[in-house]
Amino acid sequence: MIIGIGNDMVDIRRIENVLERHGTRFTTRVFTEVEQQKSEGRKNRAASYAKRFAAKEACAKALGTGIAGGVWWRNLGVVNLPSGRPTMRLEGGAAKILARLLPKNHDAVVHLTITDDYPWAQAFVMIEALPR
């Protein structure tokens, strides 16, 4: 059963400008340590951050809240499964909202796809409830 879907597009140039102006003040406020390590190790770090920013927005939309109602940027983090496939880790307020959305005896699976083609980064999230 699908609990929610969300998508988002981000202009990579916008993220480049924010990184130049605000640097670590921006990255530490918005991104988890895992996301920062992953993005800082990339050749095009702005595109990496932009994809993760889009994923956070898409996930917040899938939750039905946006970045509000107890959902903060760092509550939503892009992580990779052992296969390399990206997914989202929800913590804090985001995890609480997700738990409220789940039917009894179901677990959530967050499907995520992220891509970029300069100057755009895009993410699509689908939250699925699977019976235990």
Protein backbone atom coordinates (compact mmCIF):
# COMPACT_ATOMS: atom_id res chain seq x y z
CA MET A 1 0.00 0.00 0.00
CA ILE A 2 1.34 3.44 -0.93
CA ILE A 3 1.39 5.85 2.02
CA GLY A 4 2.71 8.88 0.15
CA ILE A 5 4.60 10.13 -2.88
CA GLY A 6 6.63 13.26 -3.43
CA ASN A 7 9.00 14.76 -5.95
CA ASP A 8 11.19 17.83 -6.14
CA MET A 9 13.55 19.58 -8.54
CA VAL A 10 16.41 21.85 -7.49
CA ASP A 11 18.52 24.18 -9.59
CA ILE A 12 22.12 23.10 -8.91
CA ARG A 13 23.29 26.68 -9.53
CA ARG A 14 21.19 27.78 -6.55
CA ILE A 15 22.96 25.26 -4.32
CA GLU A 16 26.35 26.37 -5.73
CA ASN A 17 25.53 29.95 -4.71
CA VAL A 18 24.38 28.93 -1.23
CA LEU A 19 27.55 26.85 -0.73
CA GLU A 20 29.71 29.82 -1.77
CA ARG A 21 27.86 32.28 0.48
CA HIS A 22 27.16 30.15 3.54
CA GLY A 23 29.47 27.11 3.31
CA THR A 24 29.42 24.86 6.35
CA ARG A 25 26.74 26.94 8.06
CA PHE A 26 24.35 25.70 5.35
CA THR A 27 25.63 22.13 5.12
CA THR A 28 25.62 21.47 8.88
CA ARG A 29 22.13 22.96 9.28
CA VAL A 30 20.53 21.00 6.44
CA PHE A 31 22.51 17.77 5.90
CA THR A 32 23.36 14.80 8.10
CA GLU A 33 26.99 13.89 8.69
CA VAL A 34 26.64 10.93 6.31
CA GLU A 35 25.31 13.21 3.58
CA GLN A 36 28.08 15.74 4.14
CA GLN A 37 30.80 13.07 3.95
CA LYS A 38 29.29 11.62 0.78
CA SER A 39 28.88 15.02 -0.92
CA GLU A 40 32.25 16.45 0.10
CA GLY A 41 33.93 13.42 -1.48
CA ARG A 42 32.29 14.03 -4.86
CA LYS A 43 33.87 15.83 -7.80
CA ASN A 44 30.73 17.96 -8.22
CA ARG A 45 29.73 18.48 -4.62
CA ALA A 46 27.02 21.04 -5.45
CA ALA A 47 25.16 18.49 -7.59
CA SER A 48 25.48 15.91 -4.82
CA TYR A 49 24.09 18.31 -2.23
CA ALA A 50 21.32 19.40 -4.65
CA LYS A 51 20.15 15.81 -5.15
CA ARG A 52 20.04 15.27 -1.39
CA PHE A 53 18.20 18.57 -0.88
CA ALA A 54 15.62 17.50 -3.48
CA ALA A 55 15.29 14.10 -1.76
CA LYS A 56 14.55 15.77 1.59
CA GLU A 57 11.89 17.97 0.01
CA ALA A 58 10.35 15.02 -1.86
CA CYS A 59 10.28 12.90 1.31
CA ALA A 60 8.68 15.71 3.32
CA LYS A 61 6.02 15.99 0.63
CA ALA A 62 5.45 12.23 0.75
CA LEU A 63 4.88 12.56 4.50
CA GLY A 64 2.31 15.25 3.77
CA THR A 65 3.97 17.89 5.92
CA GLY A 66 6.71 19.60 3.96
CA ILE A 67 9.54 20.93 6.12
CA ALA A 68 7.18 21.84 8.96
CA GLY A 69 5.06 20.26 11.64
CA GLY A 70 8.00 18.74 13.47
CA VAL A 71 9.90 17.68 10.36
CA TRP A 72 13.34 19.30 10.13
CA TRP A 73 16.01 19.05 7.46
CA ARG A 74 18.29 16.78 9.47
CA ASN A 75 15.38 14.43 10.34
CA LEU A 76 15.54 13.28 6.72
CA GLY A 77 18.77 11.76 5.45
CA VAL A 78 19.77 10.05 2.22
CA VAL A 79 21.58 6.78 2.92
CA ASN A 80 22.66 3.94 0.69
CA LEU A 81 21.72 0.31 1.18
CA PRO A 82 24.54 -2.26 0.90
CA SER A 83 23.56 -2.69 -2.76
CA GLY A 84 24.25 1.03 -3.30
CA ARG A 85 20.59 1.85 -3.83
CA PRO A 86 19.60 5.13 -2.15
CA THR A 87 16.84 5.35 0.42
CA MET A 88 15.85 7.71 3.22
CA ARG A 89 16.50 7.42 6.95
CA LEU A 90 13.86 9.21 8.98
CA GLU A 91 14.51 10.30 12.55
CA GLY A 92 12.90 12.57 15.14
CA GLY A 93 9.67 14.25 14.08
CA ALA A 94 9.76 12.70 10.61
CA ALA A 95 9.91 9.18 12.08
CA LYS A 96 7.00 9.99 14.42
CA ILE A 97 4.84 11.24 11.55
CA LEU A 98 5.69 8.17 9.46
CA ALA A 99 4.73 5.89 12.37
CA ARG A 100 1.33 7.62 12.60
CA LEU A 101 0.73 7.09 8.87
CA LEU A 102 1.43 3.36 8.97
CA PRO A 103 -1.45 0.93 9.34
CA LYS A 104 -1.19 -1.50 12.25
CA ASN A 105 1.24 -4.39 11.69
CA HIS A 106 2.95 -2.72 8.72
CA ASP A 107 6.52 -1.57 8.16
CA ALA A 108 7.56 1.33 5.97
CA VAL A 109 9.79 1.05 2.93
CA VAL A 110 11.01 4.32 1.45
CA HIS A 111 11.79 4.14 -2.25
CA LEU A 112 14.02 6.93 -3.57
CA THR A 113 15.43 7.81 -6.94
CA ILE A 114 17.74 10.79 -7.41
CA THR A 115 19.34 12.16 -10.55
CA ASP A 116 20.98 15.26 -11.92
CA ASP A 117 21.51 16.76 -15.35
CA TYR A 118 23.09 20.18 -14.94
CA PRO A 119 21.58 22.56 -14.03
CA TRP A 120 18.84 20.37 -12.50
CA ALA A 121 18.73 17.80 -9.71
CA GLN A 122 15.60 15.77 -9.13
CA ALA A 123 14.30 13.30 -6.56
CA PHE A 124 11.23 11.11 -6.35
CA VAL A 125 10.11 9.39 -3.12
CA MET A 126 7.45 6.78 -2.59
CA ILE A 127 6.64 5.53 0.90
CA GLU A 128 5.16 2.06 0.94
CA ALA A 129 3.58 0.14 3.84
CA LEU A 130 4.26 -3.57 3.77
CA PRO A 131 2.55 -6.09 6.08
CA ARG A 132 4.83 -7.74 8.64
